[in-house]
Amino acid sequence: GMSRSSSCRAGSTFQPQHPSACGTDEVDEMWRSVLQRFPQHPHWCLVKEKRCVYRMGSQTGKKILCRVSHGGLQVRVGGGWMPAMPFLERYGPTAMGPRPGEDPHFSHGAGTAVDLPPSMERLLV
């Protein structure tokens, strides 16, 4: 009769890939949805250090502290808090690079010169 155990077996096989990790939380999910709004920067990523503490771009990247408030996801900036979207718009290109294959340190304030080849940029300086 009803002795098929497939439903039980399917339930028991669901285990997180890394038992040591605490898994994703709502902060991870919120960051994921924020990053999805920057399709022009597909290489941007945030590396989670612990809950609400992330590194921008890689494990050695700029450390950011975030929180979830009634207004959504916010990032600690200076003495206050800034919403995640404007934060990434402002600091993402500096911390994680403007485009793939480009040196992030190359983009400090040289907004127009970035698109020119290095040989031409040296002439402008």
N, C-alpha and C. Protein backbone atom coordinates (compact mmCIF):
# COMPACT_ATOMS: atom_id res chain seq x y z
N GLY A 1 0.83 -1.20 0.00
CA GLY A 1 0.00 0.00 0.00
C GLY A 1 0.86 1.25 0.00
N MET A 2 0.85 2.04 1.12
CA MET A 2 1.52 3.35 1.17
C MET A 2 2.91 3.22 1.80
N SER A 3 3.67 2.23 1.39
CA SER A 3 4.96 2.01 2.03
C SER A 3 6.10 2.68 1.29
N ARG A 4 5.79 3.54 0.30
CA ARG A 4 6.88 4.20 -0.44
C ARG A 4 7.51 5.28 0.43
N SER A 5 8.82 5.20 0.63
CA SER A 5 9.51 6.13 1.53
C SER A 5 10.23 7.22 0.76
N SER A 6 9.87 7.44 -0.49
CA SER A 6 10.62 8.41 -1.30
C SER A 6 10.52 9.82 -0.72
N SER A 7 9.37 10.18 -0.15
CA SER A 7 9.23 11.53 0.39
C SER A 7 10.15 11.73 1.60
N CYS A 8 10.25 10.73 2.47
CA CYS A 8 11.13 10.84 3.62
C CYS A 8 12.59 10.92 3.16
N ARG A 9 12.94 10.07 2.20
CA ARG A 9 14.33 10.03 1.75
C ARG A 9 14.72 11.37 1.13
N ALA A 10 13.83 11.96 0.36
CA ALA A 10 14.14 13.25 -0.26
C ALA A 10 14.37 14.31 0.81
N GLY A 11 13.61 14.25 1.87
CA GLY A 11 13.77 15.24 2.92
C GLY A 11 15.08 15.10 3.65
N SER A 12 15.51 13.86 3.88
CA SER A 12 16.70 13.67 4.68
C SER A 12 17.98 13.96 3.90
N THR A 13 17.94 13.93 2.56
CA THR A 13 19.15 14.17 1.80
C THR A 13 19.48 15.65 1.70
N PHE A 14 18.57 16.52 2.11
CA PHE A 14 18.85 17.96 2.01
C PHE A 14 19.76 18.40 3.14
N GLN A 15 21.03 18.60 2.83
CA GLN A 15 21.98 19.09 3.81
C GLN A 15 22.78 20.21 3.18
N PRO A 16 23.14 21.21 3.96
CA PRO A 16 23.98 22.28 3.40
C PRO A 16 25.31 21.72 2.93
N GLN A 17 25.88 22.30 1.88
CA GLN A 17 27.14 21.80 1.33
C GLN A 17 28.26 21.88 2.37
N HIS A 18 28.28 22.94 3.15
CA HIS A 18 29.33 23.12 4.15
C HIS A 18 28.67 23.13 5.53
N PRO A 19 28.74 22.02 6.23
CA PRO A 19 28.08 21.95 7.55
C PRO A 19 28.60 23.00 8.52
N SER A 20 29.87 23.43 8.34
CA SER A 20 30.43 24.40 9.28
C SER A 20 29.83 25.79 9.08
N ALA A 21 29.44 26.09 7.84
CA ALA A 21 28.88 27.42 7.57
C ALA A 21 27.47 27.52 8.13
N CYS A 22 27.11 28.72 8.55
CA CYS A 22 25.78 28.90 9.11
C CYS A 22 24.73 29.05 8.02
N GLY A 23 25.16 28.95 6.75
CA GLY A 23 24.21 29.06 5.65
C GLY A 23 23.87 30.51 5.36
N THR A 24 22.94 30.71 4.44
CA THR A 24 22.56 32.07 4.09
C THR A 24 21.53 32.59 5.08
N ASP A 25 21.56 33.90 5.30
CA ASP A 25 20.55 34.52 6.14
C ASP A 25 19.85 35.60 5.30
N GLU A 26 19.00 36.36 5.93
CA GLU A 26 18.25 37.35 5.17
C GLU A 26 19.15 38.46 4.64
N VAL A 27 20.29 38.69 5.32
CA VAL A 27 21.22 39.72 4.85
C VAL A 27 21.86 39.29 3.53
N ASP A 28 22.24 38.01 3.44
CA ASP A 28 22.77 37.48 2.18
C ASP A 28 21.76 37.66 1.05
N GLU A 29 20.52 37.30 1.35
CA GLU A 29 19.48 37.39 0.32
C GLU A 29 19.28 38.84 -0.13
N MET A 30 19.33 39.77 0.81
CA MET A 30 19.13 41.18 0.46
C MET A 30 20.29 41.68 -0.39
N TRP A 31 21.51 41.29 -0.03
CA TRP A 31 22.66 41.71 -0.84
C TRP A 31 22.55 41.14 -2.25
N ARG A 32 22.09 39.87 -2.34
CA ARG A 32 21.97 39.25 -3.65
C ARG A 32 21.01 40.04 -4.53
N SER A 33 19.88 40.47 -3.95
CA SER A 33 18.91 41.22 -4.74
C SER A 33 19.44 42.61 -5.10
N VAL A 34 20.25 43.20 -4.22
CA VAL A 34 20.85 44.50 -4.53
C VAL A 34 21.83 44.36 -5.69
N LEU A 35 22.69 43.32 -5.62
CA LEU A 35 23.69 43.13 -6.67
C LEU A 35 23.03 42.84 -8.02
N GLN A 36 21.86 42.21 -8.00
CA GLN A 36 21.16 41.91 -9.24
C GLN A 36 20.70 43.18 -9.94
N ARG A 37 20.65 44.29 -9.24
CA ARG A 37 20.24 45.54 -9.86
C ARG A 37 21.41 46.24 -10.54
N PHE A 38 22.58 45.60 -10.53
CA PHE A 38 23.75 46.16 -11.22
C PHE A 38 24.21 45.17 -12.30
N PRO A 39 23.33 44.94 -13.32
CA PRO A 39 23.70 43.95 -14.35
C PRO A 39 24.93 44.36 -15.14
N GLN A 40 25.26 45.65 -15.14
CA GLN A 40 26.44 46.11 -15.87
C GLN A 40 27.73 45.74 -15.14
N HIS A 41 27.61 45.26 -13.91
CA HIS A 41 28.80 44.85 -13.14
C HIS A 41 28.63 43.40 -12.69
N PRO A 42 28.63 42.45 -13.63
CA PRO A 42 28.34 41.06 -13.25
C PRO A 42 29.41 40.43 -12.36
N HIS A 43 30.60 41.03 -12.33
CA HIS A 43 31.71 40.45 -11.56
C HIS A 43 31.72 40.90 -10.11
N TRP A 44 30.86 41.87 -9.75
CA TRP A 44 30.82 42.33 -8.36
C TRP A 44 30.39 41.19 -7.46
N CYS A 45 31.05 41.07 -6.33
CA CYS A 45 30.62 40.07 -5.36
C CYS A 45 30.96 40.56 -3.96
N LEU A 46 30.28 39.99 -2.99
CA LEU A 46 30.56 40.31 -1.60
C LEU A 46 30.91 39.00 -0.89
N VAL A 47 32.02 39.00 -0.18
CA VAL A 47 32.46 37.81 0.54
C VAL A 47 32.06 37.97 2.01
N LYS A 48 31.26 37.04 2.48
CA LYS A 48 30.75 37.14 3.85
C LYS A 48 31.82 36.70 4.84
N GLU A 49 32.09 37.55 5.81
CA GLU A 49 33.04 37.19 6.86
C GLU A 49 32.28 36.60 8.04
N LYS A 50 31.29 37.33 8.49
CA LYS A 50 30.33 36.80 9.46
C LYS A 50 29.04 37.60 9.25
N ARG A 51 28.07 37.30 10.06
CA ARG A 51 26.78 37.97 9.85
C ARG A 51 26.94 39.49 9.87
N CYS A 52 26.48 40.13 8.81
CA CYS A 52 26.50 41.59 8.66
C CYS A 52 27.91 42.16 8.46
N VAL A 53 28.89 41.32 8.25
CA VAL A 53 30.24 41.81 7.92
C VAL A 53 30.67 41.15 6.61
N TYR A 54 30.96 41.98 5.62
CA TYR A 54 31.31 41.48 4.29
C TYR A 54 32.57 42.17 3.79
N ARG A 55 33.22 41.51 2.81
CA ARG A 55 34.35 42.10 2.11
C ARG A 55 33.93 42.34 0.67
N MET A 56 34.30 43.49 0.13
CA MET A 56 33.89 43.83 -1.23
C MET A 56 34.88 43.26 -2.23
N GLY A 57 34.39 42.40 -3.12
CA GLY A 57 35.19 41.89 -4.21
C GLY A 57 35.95 40.62 -3.91
N SER A 58 36.61 40.55 -2.75
CA SER A 58 37.37 39.36 -2.40
C SER A 58 37.58 39.32 -0.89
N GLN A 59 38.22 38.26 -0.41
CA GLN A 59 38.43 38.11 1.04
C GLN A 59 39.38 39.17 1.59
N THR A 60 40.13 39.82 0.72
CA THR A 60 41.05 40.86 1.18
C THR A 60 40.53 42.25 0.83
N GLY A 61 39.30 42.30 0.34
CA GLY A 61 38.74 43.59 -0.09
C GLY A 61 38.33 44.47 1.07
N LYS A 62 37.78 45.62 0.72
CA LYS A 62 37.31 46.59 1.72
C LYS A 62 36.21 45.96 2.57
N LYS A 63 36.38 46.07 3.88
CA LYS A 63 35.40 45.48 4.80
C LYS A 63 34.23 46.45 4.98
N ILE A 64 33.02 45.91 4.91
CA ILE A 64 31.84 46.74 5.15
C ILE A 64 31.00 46.11 6.25
N LEU A 65 30.38 46.97 7.01
CA LEU A 65 29.49 46.55 8.08
C LEU A 65 28.08 46.94 7.67
N CYS A 66 27.15 46.02 7.76
CA CYS A 66 25.80 46.36 7.34
C CYS A 66 24.78 45.98 8.40
N ARG A 67 23.58 46.45 8.22
CA ARG A 67 22.49 46.12 9.15
C ARG A 67 21.19 46.15 8.37
N VAL A 68 20.18 45.53 8.93
CA VAL A 68 18.85 45.59 8.34
C VAL A 68 18.00 46.47 9.22
N SER A 69 17.49 47.56 8.65
CA SER A 69 16.62 48.46 9.41
C SER A 69 15.23 48.41 8.77
N HIS A 70 14.34 49.18 9.31
CA HIS A 70 12.99 49.22 8.74
C HIS A 70 13.01 49.74 7.31
N GLY A 71 14.04 50.48 6.97
CA GLY A 71 14.14 51.00 5.61
C GLY A 71 14.88 50.08 4.65
N GLY A 72 15.27 48.88 5.12
CA GLY A 72 15.97 47.97 4.25
C GLY A 72 17.42 47.79 4.67
N LEU A 73 18.23 47.34 3.72
CA LEU A 73 19.63 47.05 3.99
C LEU A 73 20.44 48.34 3.99
N GLN A 74 21.27 48.52 5.01
CA GLN A 74 22.08 49.73 5.13
C GLN A 74 23.53 49.36 5.42
N VAL A 75 24.44 50.25 5.00
CA VAL A 75 25.87 50.03 5.17
C VAL A 75 26.44 51.16 6.01
N ARG A 76 27.36 50.81 6.90
CA ARG A 76 27.99 51.80 7.77
C ARG A 76 28.97 52.64 6.95
N VAL A 77 28.78 53.94 6.95
CA VAL A 77 29.69 54.84 6.23
C VAL A 77 30.00 56.01 7.15
N GLY A 78 31.28 56.15 7.51
CA GLY A 78 31.65 57.23 8.41
C GLY A 78 30.91 57.09 9.73
N GLY A 79 30.19 58.13 10.13
CA GLY A 79 29.46 58.07 11.39
C GLY A 79 28.00 57.73 11.23
N GLY A 80 27.59 57.33 10.03
CA GLY A 80 26.17 57.07 9.82
C GLY A 80 25.93 55.83 8.98
N TRP A 81 24.71 55.73 8.48
CA TRP A 81 24.32 54.56 7.70
C TRP A 81 23.81 55.02 6.34
N MET A 82 24.06 54.22 5.32
CA MET A 82 23.70 54.58 3.95
C MET A 82 22.98 53.37 3.33
N PRO A 83 21.88 53.60 2.61
CA PRO A 83 21.20 52.47 1.97
C PRO A 83 22.14 51.72 1.02
N ALA A 84 21.90 50.41 0.89
CA ALA A 84 22.81 49.55 0.14
C ALA A 84 22.94 49.97 -1.33
N MET A 85 21.82 50.34 -1.97
CA MET A 85 21.88 50.68 -3.40
C MET A 85 22.78 51.89 -3.65
N PRO A 86 22.52 53.04 -3.01
CA PRO A 86 23.41 54.19 -3.23
C PRO A 86 24.84 53.91 -2.80
N PHE A 87 25.01 53.06 -1.78
CA PHE A 87 26.36 52.72 -1.34
C PHE A 87 27.12 52.04 -2.47
N LEU A 88 26.50 51.05 -3.11
CA LEU A 88 27.20 50.34 -4.19
C LEU A 88 27.41 51.24 -5.40
N GLU A 89 26.44 52.11 -5.67
CA GLU A 89 26.60 53.04 -6.79
C GLU A 89 27.83 53.91 -6.59
N ARG A 90 28.05 54.30 -5.35
CA ARG A 90 29.13 55.23 -5.07
C ARG A 90 30.48 54.53 -4.86
N TYR A 91 30.46 53.42 -4.11
CA TYR A 91 31.71 52.79 -3.71
C TYR A 91 32.05 51.51 -4.46
N GLY A 92 31.06 50.94 -5.11
CA GLY A 92 31.30 49.68 -5.83
C GLY A 92 32.40 49.77 -6.88
N PRO A 93 32.34 50.76 -7.79
CA PRO A 93 33.37 50.84 -8.83
C PRO A 93 34.78 50.99 -8.27
N THR A 94 34.92 51.68 -7.14
CA THR A 94 36.25 51.86 -6.55
C THR A 94 36.72 50.58 -5.89
N ALA A 95 35.83 49.94 -5.14
CA ALA A 95 36.23 48.78 -4.35
C ALA A 95 36.29 47.49 -5.16
N MET A 96 35.41 47.37 -6.17
CA MET A 96 35.31 46.10 -6.88
C MET A 96 35.64 46.21 -8.36
N GLY A 97 36.04 47.40 -8.80
CA GLY A 97 36.43 47.54 -10.20
C GLY A 97 35.27 47.95 -11.08
N PRO A 98 35.52 48.88 -12.02
CA PRO A 98 34.44 49.37 -12.89
C PRO A 98 33.99 48.34 -13.90
N ARG A 99 34.91 47.59 -14.47
CA ARG A 99 34.57 46.59 -15.47
C ARG A 99 35.54 45.42 -15.34
N PRO A 100 35.11 44.22 -15.78
CA PRO A 100 36.01 43.07 -15.70
C PRO A 100 37.30 43.32 -16.46
N GLY A 101 38.40 42.82 -15.93
CA GLY A 101 39.68 42.94 -16.63
C GLY A 101 40.35 44.29 -16.45
N GLU A 102 39.78 45.14 -15.64
CA GLU A 102 40.36 46.46 -15.43
C GLU A 102 40.92 46.53 -14.02
N ASP A 103 42.04 47.16 -13.86
CA ASP A 103 42.65 47.26 -12.54
C ASP A 103 41.84 48.22 -11.67
N PRO A 104 41.32 47.75 -10.53
CA PRO A 104 40.50 48.63 -9.69
C PRO A 104 41.24 49.89 -9.24
N HIS A 105 42.56 49.78 -9.05
CA HIS A 105 43.33 50.93 -8.58
C HIS A 105 43.47 51.97 -9.69
N PHE A 106 43.11 51.59 -10.90
CA PHE A 106 43.28 52.47 -12.06
C PHE A 106 42.16 53.49 -12.14
N SER A 107 41.08 53.27 -11.39
CA SER A 107 39.87 54.06 -11.59
C SER A 107 39.65 55.11 -10.51
N HIS A 108 40.72 55.57 -9.86
CA HIS A 108 40.51 56.53 -8.78
C HIS A 108 40.33 57.94 -9.34
N GLY A 109 39.07 58.28 -9.61
CA GLY A 109 38.74 59.65 -10.00
C GLY A 109 38.99 59.98 -11.45
N ALA A 110 39.67 59.13 -12.20
CA ALA A 110 39.95 59.45 -13.61
C ALA A 110 38.78 58.97 -14.46
N GLY A 111 37.65 59.61 -14.28
CA GLY A 111 36.43 59.13 -14.92
C GLY A 111 36.50 59.08 -16.43
N THR A 112 36.98 60.14 -17.06
CA THR A 112 36.96 60.18 -18.51
C THR A 112 38.17 59.47 -19.11
N ALA A 113 39.29 59.51 -18.43
CA ALA A 113 40.52 58.96 -18.99
C ALA A 113 40.52 57.43 -18.96
N VAL A 114 39.63 56.83 -18.19
CA VAL A 114 39.66 55.38 -18.02
C VAL A 114 39.43 54.67 -19.36
N ASP A 115 38.60 55.25 -20.23
CA ASP A 115 38.27 54.57 -21.48
C ASP A 115 39.38 54.67 -22.52
N LEU A 116 40.37 55.51 -22.28
CA LEU A 116 41.45 55.67 -23.24
C LEU A 116 42.55 54.66 -22.98
N PRO A 117 43.27 54.25 -24.00
CA PRO A 117 44.41 53.35 -23.76
C PRO A 117 45.46 54.05 -22.91
N PRO A 118 46.27 53.28 -22.16
CA PRO A 118 47.24 53.87 -21.24
C PRO A 118 48.21 54.82 -21.95
N SER A 119 48.58 54.51 -23.18
CA SER A 119 49.54 55.36 -23.88
C SER A 119 48.97 56.75 -24.09
N MET A 120 47.69 56.85 -24.43
CA MET A 120 47.08 58.15 -24.63
C MET A 120 46.91 58.86 -23.29
N GLU A 121 46.62 58.09 -22.23
CA GLU A 121 46.39 58.73 -20.94
C GLU A 121 47.67 59.39 -20.44
N ARG A 122 48.80 58.77 -20.70
CA ARG A 122 50.06 59.38 -20.27
C ARG A 122 50.27 60.74 -20.94
N LEU A 123 49.80 60.86 -22.16
CA LEU A 123 49.94 62.14 -22.84
C LEU A 123 49.09 63.21 -22.18
N LEU A 124 47.95 62.80 -21.62
CA LEU A 124 47.04 63.77 -21.03
C LEU A 124 47.53 64.27 -19.69
N VAL A 125 48.27 63.45 -18.99
CA VAL A 125 48.67 63.80 -17.62
C VAL A 125 49.66 64.97 -17.65
